[in-house]
Protein backbone atom coordinates (compact mmCIF):
# COMPACT_ATOMS: atom_id res chain seq x y z
CA UNK A 1 -33.60 -5.67 9.70
CA UNK A 2 -32.51 -5.32 13.40
CA UNK A 3 -29.05 -5.90 12.14
CA UNK A 4 -29.35 -3.11 10.04
CA UNK A 5 -31.27 -0.73 12.63
CA UNK A 6 -28.65 -2.00 15.56
CA UNK A 7 -25.56 -0.77 13.35
CA UNK A 8 -27.63 2.31 12.72
CA UNK A 9 -28.29 3.36 15.71
CA UNK A 10 -24.68 3.33 16.70
CA UNK A 11 -23.72 4.89 13.84
CA UNK A 12 -25.61 8.13 14.76
CA UNK A 13 -23.59 7.83 18.13
CA UNK A 14 -20.60 8.16 17.21
CA UNK A 15 -20.92 10.37 13.93
CA UNK A 16 -20.71 13.39 16.30
CA UNK A 17 -16.95 12.20 17.17
CA UNK A 18 -15.42 11.56 13.92
CA UNK A 19 -14.31 15.16 14.35
CA UNK A 20 -12.63 14.42 17.60
CA UNK A 21 -11.32 11.38 16.62
CA UNK A 22 -9.81 12.47 13.47
CA UNK A 23 -8.25 15.25 15.67
CA UNK A 24 -6.78 12.54 18.08
CA UNK A 25 -5.76 10.76 15.03
CA UNK A 26 -4.21 13.63 13.13
CA UNK A 27 -1.93 14.89 16.38
CA UNK A 28 -1.14 11.30 16.90
CA UNK A 29 0.39 11.77 12.58
CA UNK A 30 1.57 14.80 13.69
CA UNK A 31 3.22 14.19 16.45
CA UNK A 32 4.98 11.01 14.49
CA UNK A 33 5.47 13.15 11.37
CA UNK A 34 7.71 15.58 13.76
CA UNK A 35 9.82 13.09 15.70
CA UNK A 36 10.20 11.30 11.84
CA UNK A 37 11.26 14.81 10.55
CA UNK A 38 13.12 15.15 14.05
CA UNK A 39 14.97 11.33 12.78
CA UNK A 40 15.46 12.35 9.67
CA UNK A 41 17.72 15.51 10.07
CA UNK A 42 19.28 13.98 13.11
CA UNK A 43 20.42 10.89 10.25
CA UNK A 44 21.15 13.69 8.01
CA UNK A 45 23.17 15.72 10.05
CA UNK A 46 24.94 11.91 11.07
CA UNK A 47 25.39 10.63 7.82
CA UNK A 48 24.30 14.05 5.48
CA UNK A 49 23.91 12.06 1.89
CA UNK A 50 27.39 9.02 2.24
CA UNK A 51 26.99 7.05 -0.45
CA UNK A 52 26.85 4.04 2.77
CA UNK A 53 24.21 5.53 3.89
CA UNK A 54 22.56 4.36 0.67
CA UNK A 55 22.59 0.78 1.84
CA UNK A 56 20.54 1.32 5.06
CA UNK A 57 17.55 2.95 2.90
CA UNK A 58 17.89 -0.04 1.03
CA UNK A 59 18.23 -2.24 3.98
CA UNK A 60 15.02 -0.73 5.53
CA UNK A 61 12.99 -1.40 2.43
CA UNK A 62 12.31 -5.04 2.82
CA UNK A 63 11.24 -5.81 5.77
CA UNK A 64 8.72 -2.65 5.63
CA UNK A 65 7.79 -4.34 2.04
CA UNK A 66 6.93 -7.18 4.44
CA UNK A 67 5.14 -5.83 7.28
CA UNK A 68 2.92 -3.88 4.54
CA UNK A 69 1.76 -6.83 2.38
CA UNK A 70 0.71 -9.04 5.26
CA UNK A 71 -0.57 -6.56 8.16
CA UNK A 72 -1.32 -3.69 5.70
CA UNK A 73 -3.46 -5.88 3.75
CA UNK A 74 -5.71 -6.85 6.25
CA UNK A 75 -6.52 -3.84 8.36
CA UNK A 76 -7.42 -1.02 5.70
CA UNK A 77 -9.13 -3.69 3.26
CA UNK A 78 -10.22 -6.68 5.16
CA UNK A 79 -9.92 -6.92 8.98
CA UNK A 80 -12.20 -3.76 10.15
CA UNK A 81 -15.16 -3.77 7.79
CA UNK A 82 -15.29 -7.57 8.37
CA UNK A 83 -14.75 -6.90 12.60
CA UNK A 84 -17.27 -4.23 12.52
CA UNK A 85 -19.64 -6.52 11.01
CA UNK A 86 -19.49 -9.70 12.66
CA UNK A 87 -19.62 -7.51 16.00
CA UNK A 88 -22.95 -6.36 14.96
CA UNK A 89 -24.48 -9.13 13.76
CA UNK A 90 -23.22 -11.83 15.73
CA UNK A 91 -21.47 -10.29 18.80
CA UNK A 92 -18.70 -9.37 20.86
CA UNK A 93 -17.70 -13.32 21.41
CA UNK A 94 -17.57 -14.13 17.80
CA UNK A 95 -16.01 -11.00 16.90
CA UNK A 96 -13.18 -11.28 19.35
CA UNK A 97 -12.96 -15.02 17.83
CA UNK A 98 -12.08 -13.29 14.47
CA UNK A 99 -9.93 -10.58 15.69
CA UNK A 100 -7.86 -13.44 17.73
CA UNK A 101 -7.01 -15.97 14.72
CA UNK A 102 -6.32 -12.84 12.22
CA UNK A 103 -3.90 -12.10 14.66
CA UNK A 104 -2.16 -15.53 14.83
CA UNK A 105 -2.34 -15.91 11.62
CA UNK A 106 -0.54 -12.69 10.90
CA UNK A 107 2.01 -13.53 13.55
CA UNK A 108 2.67 -17.17 11.60
CA UNK A 109 2.61 -15.09 7.88
CA UNK A 110 5.12 -12.21 9.13
CA UNK A 111 7.53 -14.73 10.68
CA UNK A 112 7.31 -16.84 8.04
CA UNK A 113 8.53 -14.27 5.32
CA UNK A 114 10.48 -12.58 7.50
CA UNK A 115 13.06 -15.81 8.15
CA UNK A 116 12.54 -16.19 3.85
CA UNK A 117 13.68 -12.62 3.40
CA UNK A 118 16.82 -13.26 6.40
CA UNK A 119 17.87 -16.54 4.47
CA UNK A 120 17.81 -14.72 0.78
CA UNK A 121 18.99 -11.31 1.44
CA UNK A 122 21.79 -11.57 -0.50
CA UNK A 123 19.88 -12.33 -3.84
CA UNK A 124 16.82 -9.60 -2.76
CA UNK A 125 19.48 -6.55 -1.99
CA UNK A 126 20.80 -6.51 -6.09
CA UNK A 127 16.99 -6.45 -7.28
CA UNK A 128 16.16 -3.77 -5.38
CA UNK A 129 19.11 -1.61 -6.26
CA UNK A 130 20.58 -2.79 -8.88
CA UNK A 131 23.28 -0.76 -9.12
CA UNK A 132 23.74 0.20 -5.52
CA UNK A 133 27.90 0.31 -4.03
CA UNK A 134 28.78 1.11 -8.27
CA UNK A 135 28.83 4.92 -8.11
CA UNK A 136 31.86 4.85 -6.04
CA UNK A 137 34.06 1.55 -6.82
CA UNK A 138 32.51 -0.30 -3.46
CA UNK A 139 29.85 -2.35 -5.05
CA UNK A 140 31.02 -5.27 -2.41
CA UNK A 141 31.23 -3.48 0.64
CA UNK A 142 28.08 -1.80 0.31
CA UNK A 143 25.73 -4.59 -0.96
CA UNK A 144 26.90 -6.72 2.08
CA UNK A 145 26.34 -3.68 4.21
CA UNK A 146 22.86 -3.61 2.72
CA UNK A 147 22.64 -7.56 3.88
CA UNK A 148 23.58 -7.17 7.47
CA UNK A 149 21.38 -4.10 8.33
CA UNK A 150 18.64 -5.81 6.29
CA UNK A 151 19.23 -8.81 8.29
CA UNK A 152 19.14 -6.94 12.07
CA UNK A 153 15.80 -5.32 10.75
CA UNK A 154 13.95 -8.12 9.67
CA UNK A 155 12.62 -8.59 13.67
CA UNK A 156 10.90 -5.61 12.60
CA UNK A 157 7.53 -6.90 10.34
CA UNK A 158 6.96 -9.74 12.72
CA UNK A 159 6.16 -7.60 15.73
CA UNK A 160 4.94 -4.60 13.40
CA UNK A 161 2.68 -7.64 12.15
CA UNK A 162 1.20 -8.14 15.76
CA UNK A 163 1.17 -4.64 16.46
CA UNK A 164 -0.18 -3.46 13.31
CA UNK A 165 -3.20 -6.54 13.65
CA UNK A 166 -3.19 -4.21 17.36
CA UNK A 167 -3.94 -0.93 15.88
CA UNK A 168 -6.62 -2.47 13.58
CA UNK A 169 -8.65 -3.89 16.13
CA UNK A 170 -8.31 -0.60 18.16
CA UNK A 171 -9.40 1.28 14.87
CA UNK A 172 -12.10 -1.20 14.54
CA UNK A 173 -13.50 -0.18 18.70
CA UNK A 174 -12.35 3.88 17.46
CA UNK A 175 -10.12 3.54 20.53
CA UNK A 176 -7.13 5.93 18.52
CA UNK A 177 -4.76 6.41 21.68
CA UNK A 178 -3.01 4.08 21.55
CA UNK A 179 -2.55 3.55 17.86
CA UNK A 180 -1.70 7.82 17.59
CA UNK A 181 1.14 7.16 20.49
CA UNK A 182 2.63 3.61 18.89
CA UNK A 183 4.34 5.70 15.34
CA UNK A 184 5.82 8.17 17.86
CA UNK A 185 7.21 5.63 20.67
CA UNK A 186 8.70 3.72 17.12
CA UNK A 187 10.41 7.15 15.64
CA UNK A 188 12.40 8.24 19.40
CA UNK A 189 13.42 4.11 19.64
CA UNK A 190 16.00 5.47 16.45
CA UNK A 191 16.59 8.85 17.01
CA UNK A 192 18.30 7.20 20.26
CA UNK A 193 19.72 4.55 18.20
CA UNK A 194 21.47 7.65 15.98
CA UNK A 195 22.35 9.74 19.04
CA UNK A 196 23.65 6.90 20.78
CA UNK A 197 24.39 3.97 18.70
CA UNK A 198 26.09 5.57 15.74
CA UNK A 199 29.11 6.97 16.59
CA UNK A 200 30.38 3.83 17.94
CA UNK A 201 28.13 1.27 15.56
CA UNK A 202 27.90 3.44 12.28
CA UNK A 203 25.03 2.96 10.54
CA UNK A 204 23.91 -0.12 12.83
CA UNK A 205 22.05 2.33 14.97
CA UNK A 206 19.69 3.39 13.61
CA UNK A 207 19.07 -0.18 12.48
CA UNK A 208 18.98 -1.04 16.37
CA UNK A 209 16.58 2.10 16.49
CA UNK A 210 13.80 0.12 14.40
CA UNK A 211 14.65 -3.22 15.61
CA UNK A 212 13.75 -1.91 19.03
CA UNK A 213 11.34 0.38 18.34
CA UNK A 214 9.32 -2.43 16.35
CA UNK A 215 9.03 -4.28 19.75
CA UNK A 216 7.83 -0.78 21.33
CA UNK A 217 4.94 -0.21 18.94
CA UNK A 218 3.56 -3.58 19.65
CA UNK A 219 3.58 -3.37 23.88
CA UNK A 220 2.79 0.39 24.35
CA UNK A 221 -0.66 -1.11 22.77
CA UNK A 222 -1.17 -4.03 24.70
CA UNK A 223 -3.37 -2.18 28.02
CA UNK A 224 -5.21 -0.45 24.95
CA UNK A 225 -5.70 -4.07 23.87
CA UNK A 226 -6.53 -5.13 27.41
CA UNK A 227 -9.37 -2.40 27.89
CA UNK A 228 -11.37 -3.20 24.51
CA UNK A 229 -12.12 -6.55 26.32
CA UNK A 230 -10.75 -8.61 23.34
CA UNK A 231 -10.30 -12.34 24.70
CA UNK A 232 -7.17 -14.19 22.48
CA UNK A 233 -6.94 -18.07 21.93
CA UNK A 234 -4.46 -19.92 19.57
CA UNK A 235 -6.85 -20.88 17.16
CA UNK A 236 -6.26 -20.09 13.86
CA UNK A 237 -9.35 -22.25 11.98
CA UNK A 238 -8.68 -20.89 8.62
CA UNK A 239 -11.81 -22.85 7.36
CA UNK A 240 -13.96 -20.37 9.14
CA UNK A 241 -16.19 -18.53 7.51
CA UNK A 242 -14.98 -15.08 8.71
CA UNK A 243 -11.60 -15.98 8.44
CA UNK A 244 -11.94 -16.89 4.64
CA UNK A 245 -14.34 -13.48 4.06
CA UNK A 246 -10.98 -11.47 5.66
CA UNK A 247 -8.38 -13.96 3.24
CA UNK A 248 -10.73 -13.17 0.17
CA UNK A 249 -10.78 -9.19 0.95
CA UNK A 250 -7.05 -9.51 1.56
CA UNK A 251 -5.98 -11.26 -1.73
CA UNK A 252 -6.79 -8.24 -4.17
CA UNK A 253 -5.31 -5.51 -1.04
CA UNK A 254 -1.87 -7.63 -0.86
CA UNK A 255 -1.42 -7.37 -4.97
CA UNK A 256 -2.83 -3.27 -4.41
CA UNK A 257 0.05 -2.72 -1.49
CA UNK A 258 2.71 -4.45 -4.02
CA UNK A 259 1.62 -2.08 -6.85
CA UNK A 260 1.90 0.55 -3.45
CA UNK A 261 5.32 -0.86 -2.58
CA UNK A 262 6.76 -1.06 -6.23
CA UNK A 263 6.64 2.22 -6.85
CA UNK A 264 8.83 2.95 -3.73
CA UNK A 265 11.25 0.05 -4.99
CA UNK A 266 11.24 2.04 -8.12
CA UNK A 267 12.47 5.26 -6.63
CA UNK A 268 15.54 3.00 -5.20
CA UNK A 269 15.89 0.89 -8.21
CA UNK A 270 16.25 3.78 -10.69
CA UNK A 271 17.62 6.20 -8.05
CA UNK A 272 20.93 3.49 -7.51
CA UNK A 273 21.24 3.74 -11.41
CA UNK A 274 22.24 7.46 -11.15
CA UNK A 275 24.52 7.05 -7.73
CA UNK A 276 24.68 5.50 -4.41
CA UNK A 277 24.18 9.51 -3.40
CA UNK A 278 20.77 9.82 -5.58
CA UNK A 279 19.53 6.97 -3.42
CA UNK A 280 19.41 9.18 0.21
CA UNK A 281 18.45 12.27 -1.94
CA UNK A 282 14.98 10.46 -3.22
CA UNK A 283 14.20 9.67 0.06
CA UNK A 284 15.09 12.02 1.78
CA UNK A 285 12.68 14.05 -0.61
CA UNK A 286 9.86 11.46 -0.54
CA UNK A 287 9.69 11.78 2.78
CA UNK A 288 9.34 15.35 3.31
CA UNK A 289 7.19 14.88 0.72
CA UNK A 290 5.04 12.03 2.97
CA UNK A 291 4.57 14.85 5.33
CA UNK A 292 1.72 16.73 4.81
CA UNK A 293 0.16 13.49 3.59
CA UNK A 294 0.15 12.40 7.15
CA UNK A 295 -1.06 15.01 8.12
CA UNK A 296 -4.13 15.23 6.13
CA UNK A 297 -5.09 11.88 3.93
CA UNK A 298 -3.68 9.67 6.49
CA UNK A 299 -4.98 11.01 10.14
CA UNK A 300 -8.64 12.04 8.36
CA UNK A 301 -8.65 8.22 6.39
CA UNK A 302 -7.94 6.49 9.10
CA UNK A 303 -10.39 8.21 11.93
CA UNK A 304 -13.09 8.28 8.95
CA UNK A 305 -12.45 4.27 7.96
CA UNK A 306 -14.84 2.13 10.79
CA UNK A 307 -16.94 5.08 10.53
CA UNK A 308 -17.78 4.18 7.07
CA UNK A 309 -17.40 0.78 7.40
CA UNK A 310 -20.43 0.90 9.49
CA UNK A 311 -22.12 3.22 7.23
CA UNK A 312 -21.82 0.64 4.05
CA UNK A 313 -22.71 -2.22 6.17
CA UNK A 314 -25.91 0.03 7.09
CA UNK A 315 -26.81 0.20 3.65
CA UNK A 316 -26.18 4.41 4.52
CA UNK A 317 -25.47 5.13 1.04
CA UNK A 318 -26.29 8.98 1.40
CA UNK A 319 -24.75 8.92 5.00
CA UNK A 320 -21.57 7.08 2.70
CA UNK A 321 -21.73 9.73 0.13
CA UNK A 322 -21.50 13.05 2.50
CA UNK A 323 -18.69 11.36 4.40
CA UNK A 324 -16.80 10.61 1.62
CA UNK A 325 -16.75 13.84 -0.37
CA UNK A 326 -16.63 15.67 3.19
CA UNK A 327 -13.65 14.06 3.85
CA UNK A 328 -12.26 14.62 0.77
CA UNK A 329 -13.18 18.02 0.44
CA UNK A 330 -11.29 18.63 4.01
CA UNK A 331 -8.40 16.84 2.64
CA UNK A 332 -7.79 19.10 -0.58
CA UNK A 333 -8.73 22.09 1.00
CA UNK A 334 -5.54 21.71 3.02
CA UNK A 335 -3.41 19.16 0.99
CA UNK A 336 -3.25 21.14 -2.45
CA UNK A 337 -2.30 24.57 -0.87
CA UNK A 338 -0.15 22.83 0.99
CA UNK A 339 1.54 20.95 -1.86
CA UNK A 340 2.27 24.69 -3.37
CA UNK A 341 3.62 25.97 -0.56
CA UNK A 342 6.02 23.35 -0.13
CA UNK A 343 7.44 23.52 -3.79
CA UNK A 344 7.71 27.17 -2.96
CA UNK A 345 10.12 26.84 -0.07
CA UNK A 346 11.38 23.70 -0.56
CA UNK A 347 15.25 25.54 -1.09
CA UNK A 348 14.89 27.48 2.23
CA UNK A 349 13.32 24.47 4.23
CA UNK A 350 15.69 21.60 3.53
CA UNK A 351 18.53 24.01 4.27
CA UNK A 352 16.86 25.64 7.34
CA UNK A 353 15.74 21.65 8.71
CA UNK A 354 18.70 19.36 7.02
CA UNK A 355 21.81 21.55 6.49
CA UNK A 356 23.86 20.95 9.61
CA UNK A 357 26.63 18.40 10.14
CA UNK A 358 27.45 15.89 7.51
CA UNK A 359 24.58 17.48 5.59
CA UNK A 360 26.44 20.13 3.05
CA UNK A 361 24.77 22.55 0.84
CA UNK A 362 25.32 20.80 -2.45
CA UNK A 363 23.30 17.93 -0.28
CA UNK A 364 20.57 20.69 -0.43
CA UNK A 365 20.38 21.29 -3.81
CA UNK A 366 20.37 17.76 -4.70
CA UNK A 367 17.57 17.26 -2.46
CA UNK A 368 15.37 20.04 -3.36
CA UNK A 369 15.13 19.53 -6.77
CA UNK A 370 13.54 16.09 -7.07
CA UNK A 371 11.36 17.79 -3.52
CA UNK A 372 9.73 20.02 -6.12
CA UNK A 373 8.53 18.49 -8.48
CA UNK A 374 7.18 15.40 -5.91
CA UNK A 375 5.41 18.25 -3.87
CA UNK A 376 2.55 18.56 -6.57
CA UNK A 377 1.10 15.32 -6.42
CA UNK A 378 0.98 15.64 -2.60
CA UNK A 379 -2.77 16.38 -2.88
CA UNK A 380 -3.67 13.59 -5.43
CA UNK A 381 -1.41 11.25 -2.97
CA UNK A 382 -3.70 12.74 0.07
CA UNK A 383 -6.98 12.15 -1.64
CA UNK A 384 -6.25 8.52 -2.58
CA UNK A 385 -6.28 7.58 1.52
CA UNK A 386 -9.93 8.38 1.32
CA UNK A 387 -10.85 7.34 -1.83
CA UNK A 388 -9.17 4.27 -1.80
CA UNK A 389 -11.50 3.89 1.78
CA UNK A 390 -14.94 4.40 -0.06
CA UNK A 391 -13.90 1.70 -2.23
CA UNK A 392 -12.59 -0.95 0.81
CA UNK A 393 -16.02 0.18 2.77
CA UNK A 394 -18.00 -1.32 0.44
CA UNK A 395 -15.94 -4.40 0.21
CA UNK A 396 -14.81 -3.41 -3.25
CA UNK A 397 -11.28 -4.65 -3.25
CA UNK A 398 -10.65 -5.26 -6.60
CA UNK A 399 -11.34 -1.65 -8.45
CA UNK A 400 -8.66 0.59 -6.21
CA UNK A 401 -6.12 -2.64 -7.07
CA UNK A 402 -6.79 -2.56 -10.77
CA UNK A 403 -6.40 1.11 -10.76
CA UNK A 404 -2.82 0.83 -8.74
CA UNK A 405 -1.53 -1.43 -10.60
CA UNK A 406 -2.07 0.59 -13.70
CA UNK A 407 -0.93 3.14 -12.16
CA UNK A 408 2.31 1.48 -10.44
CA UNK A 409 3.21 0.56 -14.31
CA UNK A 410 2.90 3.99 -15.39
CA UNK A 411 4.67 5.01 -12.54
CA UNK A 412 7.85 2.68 -14.21
CA UNK A 413 7.28 3.40 -17.69
CA UNK A 414 7.85 7.25 -16.89
CA UNK A 415 10.68 6.87 -14.85
CA UNK A 416 12.84 4.75 -18.17
CA UNK A 417 11.58 6.88 -20.24
CA UNK A 418 12.65 10.24 -18.03
CA UNK A 419 15.07 9.13 -16.09
CA UNK A 420 18.30 9.30 -18.87
CA UNK A 421 17.06 12.85 -19.91
CA UNK A 422 15.94 14.55 -15.82
CA UNK A 423 17.50 11.57 -13.06
CA UNK A 424 15.89 12.20 -10.17
CA UNK A 425 13.68 15.00 -11.42
CA UNK A 426 12.78 12.20 -14.30
CA UNK A 427 11.95 9.75 -11.41
CA UNK A 428 9.76 12.61 -9.17
CA UNK A 429 7.81 13.43 -11.90
CA UNK A 430 6.55 9.84 -12.71
CA UNK A 431 5.40 9.26 -9.44
CA UNK A 432 3.33 12.73 -9.53
CA UNK A 433 1.89 11.86 -12.67
CA UNK A 434 0.96 8.62 -11.90
CA UNK A 435 -0.37 9.78 -9.02
CA UNK A 436 -2.65 12.81 -10.24
CA UNK A 437 -3.63 9.59 -13.09
CA UNK A 438 -4.55 7.35 -9.61
CA UNK A 439 -6.63 10.31 -8.23
CA UNK A 440 -8.26 10.99 -10.80
CA UNK A 441 -9.55 7.39 -12.25
CA UNK A 442 -10.56 7.15 -8.50
CA UNK A 443 -12.58 9.24 -7.73
CA UNK A 444 -14.59 8.61 -10.99
CA UNK A 445 -14.98 5.65 -10.46
CA UNK A 446 -16.35 6.33 -6.71
CA UNK A 447 -19.03 8.55 -8.19
CA UNK A 448 -20.07 5.95 -9.90
CA UNK A 449 -20.14 3.01 -7.70
CA UNK A 450 -22.12 5.89 -5.42
CA UNK A 451 -22.60 8.62 -6.46
CA UNK A 452 -23.24 12.12 -5.12
CA UNK A 453 -20.01 13.81 -6.08
CA UNK A 454 -21.64 16.57 -8.80
CA UNK A 455 -24.62 17.68 -6.31
CA UNK A 456 -22.27 18.77 -4.30
CA UNK A 457 -20.72 21.12 -6.36
CA UNK A 458 -17.65 19.56 -6.08
CA UNK A 459 -16.37 20.90 -9.35
CA UNK A 460 -17.19 24.86 -8.58
CA UNK A 461 -15.07 23.79 -5.23
CA UNK A 462 -12.16 22.73 -6.77
CA UNK A 463 -12.48 25.27 -9.45
CA UNK A 464 -12.67 28.08 -6.19
CA UNK A 465 -9.66 26.51 -4.51
CA UNK A 466 -7.52 26.29 -7.41
CA UNK A 467 -8.28 29.93 -7.50
CA UNK A 468 -7.42 30.90 -3.59
CA UNK A 469 -4.37 28.41 -4.21
CA UNK A 470 -3.26 30.62 -7.78
CA UNK A 471 -3.42 33.90 -6.31
CA UNK A 472 -1.84 32.78 -2.90
CA UNK A 473 1.20 30.91 -4.91
CA UNK A 474 1.32 34.57 -6.61
CA UNK A 475 1.79 36.48 -3.02
CA UNK A 476 3.78 34.25 -2.35
CA UNK A 477 6.52 34.38 -5.08
CA UNK A 478 5.74 38.24 -5.00
CA UNK A 479 7.53 38.32 -1.64
CA UNK A 480 10.11 35.96 -2.27
CA UNK A 481 11.48 38.06 -4.84
CA UNK A 482 11.07 41.04 -2.98
CA UNK A 483 13.00 39.34 -0.87
CA UNK A 484 15.55 38.97 -2.15
CA UNK A 485 16.43 42.89 -2.82
CA UNK A 486 17.46 43.19 1.00
CA UNK A 487 20.91 42.82 2.48
CA UNK A 488 20.02 39.36 4.19
CA UNK A 489 21.69 36.73 3.62
CA UNK A 490 18.80 33.68 2.31
CA UNK A 491 21.90 30.87 2.87
CA UNK A 492 22.01 31.85 6.96
CA UNK A 493 19.80 30.24 9.25
CA UNK A 494 18.50 33.41 10.67
CA UNK A 495 17.38 34.35 6.45
CA UNK A 496 15.97 30.74 5.87
CA UNK A 497 13.64 31.58 9.10
CA UNK A 498 12.40 34.77 8.10
CA UNK A 499 12.00 33.84 4.40
CA UNK A 500 10.40 30.97 5.40
CA UNK A 501 8.02 32.81 7.74
CA UNK A 502 7.42 35.73 6.01
CA UNK A 503 6.67 33.76 2.51
CA UNK A 504 4.13 31.23 4.75
CA UNK A 505 2.33 33.22 6.82
CA UNK A 506 1.72 35.79 3.15
CA UNK A 507 -0.19 33.14 1.24
CA UNK A 508 -1.56 31.45 4.22
CA UNK A 509 -3.24 35.23 4.41
CA UNK A 510 -3.85 35.13 0.71
CA UNK A 511 -5.43 32.37 0.85
CA UNK A 512 -7.25 32.38 3.83
CA UNK A 513 -8.82 35.97 2.59
CA UNK A 514 -10.30 34.63 -0.23
CA UNK A 515 -11.56 31.11 0.56
CA UNK A 516 -13.70 32.46 3.83
CA UNK A 517 -14.49 34.60 1.05
CA UNK A 518 -16.24 31.98 -0.85
CA UNK A 519 -16.40 29.23 0.94
CA UNK A 520 -17.16 30.37 4.69
CA UNK A 521 -14.32 27.93 5.73
CA UNK A 522 -15.57 27.88 8.96
CA UNK A 523 -19.09 26.48 8.22
CA UNK A 524 -16.83 24.51 5.52
CA UNK A 525 -14.67 22.64 8.51
CA UNK A 526 -16.81 22.58 10.94
CA UNK A 527 -19.78 20.95 8.93
CA UNK A 528 -18.31 18.46 6.98
CA UNK A 529 -20.02 15.87 8.75
CA UNK A 530 -22.77 17.09 9.88
CA UNK A 531 -25.26 15.53 7.42
CA UNK A 532 -24.18 11.48 8.15
CA UNK A 533 -27.56 11.32 10.51
């Protein structure tokens, strides 16, 4: 009972900081996404949609897969809830012992799997992108380049495994600044690699940026780890009760993350069957789609997850309801209209941001088509972030994993069906449909677990939000229609800037006018966590 009261008192002290934490994480995601976008722009200017660039995108996927499956599975579902509980039930000594053991284990596993991937890279590349190089008749050349790039970047999952654990420890202690800065340093390293190394070394320039950036990602967090009071020791001790609990939760989450990563691999797999250029095209479109998801779903869910874990540990289920549904409302309030706005403005945005150097008008046309269909699912991808963390906070990893696997299978089946008639549009549509399916099922099952969704007039909120978005969409389409009648070259940078600013601001104004009337928006956003106490 004392432990429950202890956790409860901490939650009450910390609730007022959730918005501040979300702000720090949001700014970090914003900075990281802006630099990530700049990284993509500079890469596009240097290489465009050159068939050889496909080798880089395919090579990048394998190291990222290792990191996501090992460190990603540990942090979001397993380590943070268990660490939070141990810290408040048993004290900091036991908690730091757990953190140290998991850190050592993750570093060891990352090294082992990176070594295996390094050795078997020649076999892995054809599995991920079986059509790589075929459309240009340079299969051996491009696949060999992909193998070399994979091996160069294979150092990154080792450093990311360590830095990922640093991030998890700091997030569990609700220290978000260093974890927000680290991804920016990583993106900056890749940018520098492109700017200074791509001319003499080609695609090895950004690959070196990835390798060095992963090291910098870890080192930038060391001072914050030191200040957090962590006490490191060399033990692993997988027989420890707390370590076993983390490993038990990791298992289903690894399967779930495998589903998520297989979805990304499916993008490359099916795109490679279209052409080498298609691999770069779908990757650019995917990166553009991920920008608003990072700023909404990822930032809010990352900031709120430690509080969810504490509320679940304290059995404060009413407060847990308020936190989850409040977070989901905030995410959807931004993500739903953003989904439509980005789809409408896809062409002028891509032209404005990417159409430089080797990225030409044809490249813009290629990217815009799948991007429009990916954008429709932005709200679902963003919502999944917080809904899945609701289950993780309850130490239930099996349910979201089962749903993720089902959605993955749906995605692959739809890709297979749609790839021939629609090519990349079919691949993008498959990802969007499967994401919306996953979002709806997660929402329904989480409400069955914790309740409270329909008590909060959630359906009424969705109807009003969709209505506001509908009228904002009409306003943007109308502006675009009349804009085309003016003697302005919309294919120019000035024309694209005017079109984006005028259309976007009109849509935002219409959306806000309607929502201020219906939702009292200021009250909605500022008080979404009010009732957690």
